[in-house]
Amino acid sequence: MTPDEHADWIERGRLLFAGPIDFERGVPSMDFLPDSSLPEVAFAGRSNVGKSSLINAVTGRNKLARASTEPGRTRELNFFRVGDRLRLVDMPGYGYAKAGKSEINRWTTLIRDYLRGRPTLHRVILLIDARHGLKPHDKEVMDTLDTTAVIYQIVLTKADKIKPTELAETLEGVRAAINKRPAAHPEIIATSSETGQGIDILRAEIAALA
């Protein structure tokens, strides 16, 4: 991609999220999914990875997605409509959560069914904490996405919390881990919802799917 083409996609991403963005609905089961008229980009990640904060940073809305210090607060698929272009989906975090076993099983099943059976799901943005790298739960989700042939892209969160050398090591480790995974997008984006690092690049990636 030439510098002019890169700048063009950055601008497209900015314009996409400068328009109207609204919470559409929370979905507790597959029976309540919205119509399949728009492409969808879903955000997935371990509990407390910074998913809601990143969605707010990407959309430029401080309180669009509810951020919480309590792991596992998001317990439905939350759909946000970006004009008439696409939907963003905030998925329940996987891993640790303060909830009963039956509740955790319910939303774990919901995540699995959505990933396996939603034809309008164009990409999963899989968030990984830059401080910790890939964990077993992340690899289990990657296995599911590889099996179902849903394209996923690794996005590192909280990149401002570690030194550049440590970030480079995390990037190298993740890159090696996804090298032979069939559904993994090759570009990894390091982001920070606090400093804005990488947000314009992520917007451009999403704009290309709209």
C-alpha atoms as a PDB file:
ATOM      1  CA  MET A   1       0.000   0.000   0.000  1.00  0.00           C
ATOM      2  CA  THR A   2       1.353   3.407  -0.957  1.00  0.00           C
ATOM      3  CA  PRO A   3       1.469   6.284   1.553  1.00  0.00           C
ATOM      4  CA  ASP A   4      -1.407   7.987  -0.292  1.00  0.00           C
ATOM      5  CA  GLU A   5      -3.527   4.818  -0.162  1.00  0.00           C
ATOM      6  CA  HIS A   6      -2.729   4.413   3.533  1.00  0.00           C
ATOM      7  CA  ALA A   7      -3.754   8.014   4.231  1.00  0.00           C
ATOM      8  CA  ASP A   8      -6.957   7.479   2.248  1.00  0.00           C
ATOM      9  CA  TRP A   9      -7.992   4.490   4.371  1.00  0.00           C
ATOM     10  CA  ILE A  10      -7.137   6.354   7.582  1.00  0.00           C
ATOM     11  CA  GLU A  11      -9.468   9.140   6.441  1.00  0.00           C
ATOM     12  CA  ARG A  12     -12.202   6.639   5.529  1.00  0.00           C
ATOM     13  CA  GLY A  13     -11.976   5.186   9.009  1.00  0.00           C
ATOM     14  CA  ARG A  14     -12.229   8.629  10.586  1.00  0.00           C
ATOM     15  CA  LEU A  15     -15.280   9.531   8.511  1.00  0.00           C
ATOM     16  CA  LEU A  16     -17.005   6.219   9.227  1.00  0.00           C
ATOM     17  CA  PHE A  17     -16.939   6.788  12.974  1.00  0.00           C
ATOM     18  CA  ALA A  18     -17.654  10.510  12.726  1.00  0.00           C
ATOM     19  CA  GLY A  19     -21.219   9.658  11.705  1.00  0.00           C
ATOM     20  CA  PRO A  20     -24.106   8.367  13.821  1.00  0.00           C
ATOM     21  CA  ILE A  21     -23.441   5.409  16.125  1.00  0.00           C
ATOM     22  CA  ASP A  22     -26.154   4.028  18.377  1.00  0.00           C
ATOM     23  CA  PHE A  23     -26.678   1.140  20.754  1.00  0.00           C
ATOM     24  CA  GLU A  24     -29.130  -1.149  18.965  1.00  0.00           C
ATOM     25  CA  ARG A  25     -29.850  -4.010  21.337  1.00  0.00           C
ATOM     26  CA  GLY A  26     -28.509  -6.481  23.856  1.00  0.00           C
ATOM     27  CA  VAL A  27     -28.893 -10.086  22.775  1.00  0.00           C
ATOM     28  CA  PRO A  28     -29.198 -12.750  25.506  1.00  0.00           C
ATOM     29  CA  SER A  29     -29.713 -15.609  23.033  1.00  0.00           C
ATOM     30  CA  MET A  30     -29.557 -16.298  19.300  1.00  0.00           C
ATOM     31  CA  ASP A  31     -33.347 -15.805  19.055  1.00  0.00           C
ATOM     32  CA  PHE A  32     -32.915 -12.059  19.579  1.00  0.00           C
ATOM     33  CA  LEU A  33     -30.284 -11.314  16.928  1.00  0.00           C
ATOM     34  CA  PRO A  34     -30.963  -8.295  14.692  1.00  0.00           C
ATOM     35  CA  ASP A  35     -31.576  -8.743  10.982  1.00  0.00           C
ATOM     36  CA  SER A  36     -28.615  -9.748   8.829  1.00  0.00           C
ATOM     37  CA  SER A  37     -28.663  -6.688   6.564  1.00  0.00           C
ATOM     38  CA  LEU A  38     -25.273  -5.284   7.620  1.00  0.00           C
ATOM     39  CA  PRO A  39     -21.744  -6.663   7.990  1.00  0.00           C
ATOM     40  CA  GLU A  40     -20.673  -7.213  11.590  1.00  0.00           C
ATOM     41  CA  VAL A  41     -17.337  -6.812  13.336  1.00  0.00           C
ATOM     42  CA  ALA A  42     -17.187  -8.423  16.768  1.00  0.00           C
ATOM     43  CA  PHE A  43     -14.822  -7.563  19.622  1.00  0.00           C
ATOM     44  CA  ALA A  44     -13.787 -10.551  21.733  1.00  0.00           C
ATOM     45  CA  GLY A  45     -11.288 -11.012  24.520  1.00  0.00           C
ATOM     46  CA  ARG A  46     -10.635 -12.155  28.065  1.00  0.00           C
ATOM     47  CA  SER A  47     -12.521 -10.454  30.878  1.00  0.00           C
ATOM     48  CA  ASN A  48     -10.952  -7.103  31.784  1.00  0.00           C
ATOM     49  CA  VAL A  49      -8.806  -6.944  28.624  1.00  0.00           C
ATOM     50  CA  GLY A  50     -10.094  -3.421  27.925  1.00  0.00           C
ATOM     51  CA  LYS A  51     -12.702  -4.316  25.328  1.00  0.00           C
ATOM     52  CA  SER A  52     -15.299  -1.681  26.186  1.00  0.00           C
ATOM     53  CA  SER A  53     -12.649   1.024  26.527  1.00  0.00           C
ATOM     54  CA  LEU A  54     -11.273   0.178  23.087  1.00  0.00           C
ATOM     55  CA  ILE A  55     -14.728   0.251  21.483  1.00  0.00           C
ATOM     56  CA  ASN A  56     -15.264   3.696  23.008  1.00  0.00           C
ATOM     57  CA  ALA A  57     -11.890   4.866  21.686  1.00  0.00           C
ATOM     58  CA  VAL A  58     -12.535   3.532  18.175  1.00  0.00           C
ATOM     59  CA  THR A  59     -15.981   5.118  17.992  1.00  0.00           C
ATOM     60  CA  GLY A  60     -14.920   8.353  19.683  1.00  0.00           C
ATOM     61  CA  ARG A  61     -17.731   8.003  22.238  1.00  0.00           C
ATOM     62  CA  ASN A  62     -16.791   7.992  25.901  1.00  0.00           C
ATOM     63  CA  LYS A  63     -19.754   5.994  27.163  1.00  0.00           C
ATOM     64  CA  LEU A  64     -21.001   3.975  24.190  1.00  0.00           C
ATOM     65  CA  ALA A  65     -19.807   0.673  25.641  1.00  0.00           C
ATOM     66  CA  ARG A  66     -19.924   0.271  29.395  1.00  0.00           C
ATOM     67  CA  ALA A  67     -16.447  -0.119  30.835  1.00  0.00           C
ATOM     68  CA  SER A  68     -16.130  -1.736  34.241  1.00  0.00           C
ATOM     69  CA  THR A  69     -13.407  -2.805  36.651  1.00  0.00           C
ATOM     70  CA  GLU A  70     -15.520  -5.873  37.447  1.00  0.00           C
ATOM     71  CA  PRO A  71     -14.500  -8.764  35.154  1.00  0.00           C
ATOM     72  CA  GLY A  72     -17.338 -10.374  33.244  1.00  0.00           C
ATOM     73  CA  ARG A  73     -19.854  -7.540  33.464  1.00  0.00           C
ATOM     74  CA  THR A  74     -20.875  -7.832  29.796  1.00  0.00           C
ATOM     75  CA  ARG A  75     -23.201 -10.851  29.669  1.00  0.00           C
ATOM     76  CA  GLU A  76     -24.976 -10.355  26.356  1.00  0.00           C
ATOM     77  CA  LEU A  77     -23.994  -9.658  22.768  1.00  0.00           C
ATOM     78  CA  ASN A  78     -24.288  -5.866  22.589  1.00  0.00           C
ATOM     79  CA  PHE A  79     -24.927  -4.564  19.073  1.00  0.00           C
ATOM     80  CA  PHE A  80     -24.019  -1.029  18.008  1.00  0.00           C
ATOM     81  CA  ARG A  81     -25.172   0.283  14.655  1.00  0.00           C
ATOM     82  CA  VAL A  82     -22.704   2.477  12.746  1.00  0.00           C
ATOM     83  CA  GLY A  83     -25.066   4.416  10.487  1.00  0.00           C
ATOM     84  CA  ASP A  84     -26.180   2.253   7.579  1.00  0.00           C
ATOM     85  CA  ARG A  85     -22.713   0.777   7.094  1.00  0.00           C
ATOM     86  CA  LEU A  86     -22.098  -1.937   9.690  1.00  0.00           C
ATOM     87  CA  ARG A  87     -22.607  -3.184  13.237  1.00  0.00           C
ATOM     88  CA  LEU A  88     -20.063  -3.515  16.013  1.00  0.00           C
ATOM     89  CA  VAL A  89     -20.629  -6.315  18.500  1.00  0.00           C
ATOM     90  CA  ASP A  90     -19.337  -6.197  22.079  1.00  0.00           C
ATOM     91  CA  MET A  91     -19.087  -9.813  23.190  1.00  0.00           C
ATOM     92  CA  PRO A  92     -19.025 -11.157  26.775  1.00  0.00           C
ATOM     93  CA  GLY A  93     -15.484 -11.565  28.044  1.00  0.00           C
ATOM     94  CA  TYR A  94     -14.238 -15.093  28.472  1.00  0.00           C
ATOM     95  CA  GLY A  95     -12.198 -16.419  31.362  1.00  0.00           C
ATOM     96  CA  TYR A  96     -12.672 -15.141  34.903  1.00  0.00           C
ATOM     97  CA  ALA A  97     -16.014 -13.573  35.830  1.00  0.00           C
ATOM     98  CA  LYS A  98     -17.993 -13.079  39.043  1.00  0.00           C
ATOM     99  CA  ALA A  99     -21.045 -15.107  38.074  1.00  0.00           C
ATOM    100  CA  GLY A 100     -22.610 -18.484  38.733  1.00  0.00           C
ATOM    101  CA  LYS A 101     -21.616 -21.534  36.732  1.00  0.00           C
ATOM    102  CA  SER A 102     -24.946 -21.734  34.902  1.00  0.00           C
ATOM    103  CA  GLU A 103     -24.720 -18.061  33.893  1.00  0.00           C
ATOM    104  CA  ILE A 104     -21.157 -18.476  32.626  1.00  0.00           C
ATOM    105  CA  ASN A 105     -22.196 -21.575  30.673  1.00  0.00           C
ATOM    106  CA  ARG A 106     -25.101 -19.655  29.136  1.00  0.00           C
ATOM    107  CA  TRP A 107     -23.041 -16.843  27.713  1.00  0.00           C
ATOM    108  CA  THR A 108     -20.188 -19.169  26.752  1.00  0.00           C
ATOM    109  CA  THR A 109     -22.705 -21.104  24.638  1.00  0.00           C
ATOM    110  CA  LEU A 110     -24.031 -17.827  23.209  1.00  0.00           C
ATOM    111  CA  ILE A 111     -20.538 -16.768  22.127  1.00  0.00           C
ATOM    112  CA  ARG A 112     -19.843 -20.155  20.535  1.00  0.00           C
ATOM    113  CA  ASP A 113     -23.160 -20.246  18.666  1.00  0.00           C
ATOM    114  CA  TYR A 114     -22.755 -16.694  17.393  1.00  0.00           C
ATOM    115  CA  LEU A 115     -19.218 -17.319  16.143  1.00  0.00           C
ATOM    116  CA  ARG A 116     -20.263 -20.515  14.410  1.00  0.00           C
ATOM    117  CA  GLY A 117     -23.554 -19.455  12.904  1.00  0.00           C
ATOM    118  CA  ARG A 118     -23.614 -15.774  11.943  1.00  0.00           C
ATOM    119  CA  PRO A 119     -23.123 -15.368   8.161  1.00  0.00           C
ATOM    120  CA  THR A 120     -22.791 -11.568   8.380  1.00  0.00           C
ATOM    121  CA  LEU A 121     -19.861 -11.768  10.814  1.00  0.00           C
ATOM    122  CA  HIS A 122     -17.002 -10.478   8.670  1.00  0.00           C
ATOM    123  CA  ARG A 123     -14.262 -10.353  11.289  1.00  0.00           C
ATOM    124  CA  VAL A 124     -13.541 -10.896  14.953  1.00  0.00           C
ATOM    125  CA  ILE A 125     -11.220  -8.400  16.600  1.00  0.00           C
ATOM    126  CA  LEU A 126      -9.505 -10.596  19.184  1.00  0.00           C
ATOM    127  CA  LEU A 127      -8.101  -8.452  21.972  1.00  0.00           C
ATOM    128  CA  ILE A 128      -4.966  -9.516  23.819  1.00  0.00           C
ATOM    129  CA  ASP A 129      -3.475  -7.649  26.781  1.00  0.00           C
ATOM    130  CA  ALA A 130      -0.039  -6.510  25.599  1.00  0.00           C
ATOM    131  CA  ARG A 131       1.340  -7.060  29.108  1.00  0.00           C
ATOM    132  CA  HIS A 132       0.488 -10.761  29.141  1.00  0.00           C
ATOM    133  CA  GLY A 133       0.391 -12.036  25.545  1.00  0.00           C
ATOM    134  CA  LEU A 134      -1.602 -15.084  24.462  1.00  0.00           C
ATOM    135  CA  LYS A 135      -3.123 -17.259  27.181  1.00  0.00           C
ATOM    136  CA  PRO A 136      -4.766 -20.729  26.947  1.00  0.00           C
ATOM    137  CA  HIS A 137      -8.295 -19.259  26.777  1.00  0.00           C
ATOM    138  CA  ASP A 138      -7.232 -17.086  23.825  1.00  0.00           C
ATOM    139  CA  LYS A 139      -5.888 -20.101  21.977  1.00  0.00           C
ATOM    140  CA  GLU A 140      -9.134 -22.001  22.561  1.00  0.00           C
ATOM    141  CA  VAL A 141     -11.079 -19.163  20.926  1.00  0.00           C
ATOM    142  CA  MET A 142      -8.580 -19.093  18.059  1.00  0.00           C
ATOM    143  CA  ASP A 143      -9.088 -22.844  17.592  1.00  0.00           C
ATOM    144  CA  THR A 144     -12.860 -22.296  17.319  1.00  0.00           C
ATOM    145  CA  LEU A 145     -12.428 -19.479  14.807  1.00  0.00           C
ATOM    146  CA  ASP A 146      -9.974 -21.521  12.737  1.00  0.00           C
ATOM    147  CA  THR A 147     -12.459 -24.405  12.661  1.00  0.00           C
ATOM    148  CA  THR A 148     -15.377 -22.198  11.629  1.00  0.00           C
ATOM    149  CA  ALA A 149     -13.251 -20.182   9.153  1.00  0.00           C
ATOM    150  CA  VAL A 150     -14.162 -16.851  10.736  1.00  0.00           C
ATOM    151  CA  ILE A 151     -11.381 -14.351  10.050  1.00  0.00           C
ATOM    152  CA  TYR A 152      -9.932 -12.866  13.231  1.00  0.00           C
ATOM    153  CA  GLN A 153      -7.384 -10.134  13.796  1.00  0.00           C
ATOM    154  CA  ILE A 154      -5.244  -9.811  16.900  1.00  0.00           C
ATOM    155  CA  VAL A 155      -5.297  -6.374  18.500  1.00  0.00           C
ATOM    156  CA  LEU A 156      -3.082  -5.742  21.504  1.00  0.00           C
ATOM    157  CA  THR A 157      -4.575  -3.526  24.196  1.00  0.00           C
ATOM    158  CA  LYS A 158      -2.850  -1.424  26.875  1.00  0.00           C
ATOM    159  CA  ALA A 159       0.286  -1.071  24.739  1.00  0.00           C
ATOM    160  CA  ASP A 160       1.182   2.087  26.663  1.00  0.00           C
ATOM    161  CA  LYS A 161       1.562   0.093  29.879  1.00  0.00           C
ATOM    162  CA  ILE A 162       4.806  -1.627  28.858  1.00  0.00           C
ATOM    163  CA  LYS A 163       8.176  -0.602  27.459  1.00  0.00           C
ATOM    164  CA  PRO A 164       8.684  -0.563  23.659  1.00  0.00           C
ATOM    165  CA  THR A 165      11.114  -3.496  23.917  1.00  0.00           C
ATOM    166  CA  GLU A 166       8.550  -5.547  25.834  1.00  0.00           C
ATOM    167  CA  LEU A 167       5.860  -4.641  23.292  1.00  0.00           C
ATOM    168  CA  ALA A 168       8.133  -5.775  20.475  1.00  0.00           C
ATOM    169  CA  GLU A 169       8.653  -9.115  22.251  1.00  0.00           C
ATOM    170  CA  THR A 170       4.897  -9.586  22.671  1.00  0.00           C
ATOM    171  CA  LEU A 171       4.310  -8.763  19.003  1.00  0.00           C
ATOM    172  CA  GLU A 172       6.970 -11.271  17.954  1.00  0.00           C
ATOM    173  CA  GLY A 173       5.477 -13.986  20.138  1.00  0.00           C
ATOM    174  CA  VAL A 174       1.933 -13.430  18.876  1.00  0.00           C
ATOM    175  CA  ARG A 175       3.110 -13.253  15.265  1.00  0.00           C
ATOM    176  CA  ALA A 176       4.846 -16.620  15.637  1.00  0.00           C
ATOM    177  CA  ALA A 177       1.748 -18.130  17.275  1.00  0.00           C
ATOM    178  CA  ILE A 178      -0.625 -17.156  14.448  1.00  0.00           C
ATOM    179  CA  ASN A 179       1.780 -17.848  11.604  1.00  0.00           C
ATOM    180  CA  LYS A 180       0.175 -21.147  10.599  1.00  0.00           C
ATOM    181  CA  ARG A 181      -3.379 -20.498  11.757  1.00  0.00           C
ATOM    182  CA  PRO A 182      -5.674 -20.506   8.708  1.00  0.00           C
ATOM    183  CA  ALA A 183      -8.194 -17.879   9.856  1.00  0.00           C
ATOM    184  CA  ALA A 184      -5.762 -15.407  11.430  1.00  0.00           C
ATOM    185  CA  HIS A 185      -5.332 -12.032   9.742  1.00  0.00           C
ATOM    186  CA  PRO A 186      -1.586 -11.388   9.372  1.00  0.00           C
ATOM    187  CA  GLU A 187      -1.537  -7.780  10.625  1.00  0.00           C
ATOM    188  CA  ILE A 188      -1.387  -7.280  14.390  1.00  0.00           C
ATOM    189  CA  ILE A 189      -2.284  -3.841  15.733  1.00  0.00           C
ATOM    190  CA  ALA A 190      -0.917  -2.509  19.024  1.00  0.00           C
ATOM    191  CA  THR A 191      -3.348  -0.057  20.615  1.00  0.00           C
ATOM    192  CA  SER A 192      -3.967   2.082  23.664  1.00  0.00           C
ATOM    193  CA  SER A 193      -7.400   3.468  24.465  1.00  0.00           C
ATOM    194  CA  GLU A 194      -5.720   6.072  26.689  1.00  0.00           C
ATOM    195  CA  THR A 195      -3.099   7.494  24.310  1.00  0.00           C
ATOM    196  CA  GLY A 196      -4.865   6.717  21.027  1.00  0.00           C
ATOM    197  CA  GLN A 197      -2.010   4.553  19.744  1.00  0.00           C
ATOM    198  CA  GLY A 198      -3.113   2.405  16.806  1.00  0.00           C
ATOM    199  CA  ILE A 199      -6.741   3.582  16.926  1.00  0.00           C
ATOM    200  CA  ASP A 200      -6.614   5.197  13.470  1.00  0.00           C
ATOM    201  CA  ILE A 201      -5.210   1.994  11.968  1.00  0.00           C
ATOM    202  CA  LEU A 202      -7.925  -0.128  13.583  1.00  0.00           C
ATOM    203  CA  ARG A 203     -10.592   2.265  12.300  1.00  0.00           C
ATOM    204  CA  ALA A 204      -9.171   1.925   8.801  1.00  0.00           C
ATOM    205  CA  GLU A 205      -9.251  -1.887   9.040  1.00  0.00           C
ATOM    206  CA  ILE A 206     -12.901  -1.806  10.096  1.00  0.00           C
ATOM    207  CA  ALA A 207     -13.787   0.746   7.414  1.00  0.00           C
ATOM    208  CA  ALA A 208     -12.455  -1.652   4.782  1.00  0.00           C
ATOM    209  CA  LEU A 209     -15.106  -4.173   5.906  1.00  0.00           C
ATOM    210  CA  ALA A 210     -18.029  -1.721   5.854  1.00  0.00           C
END
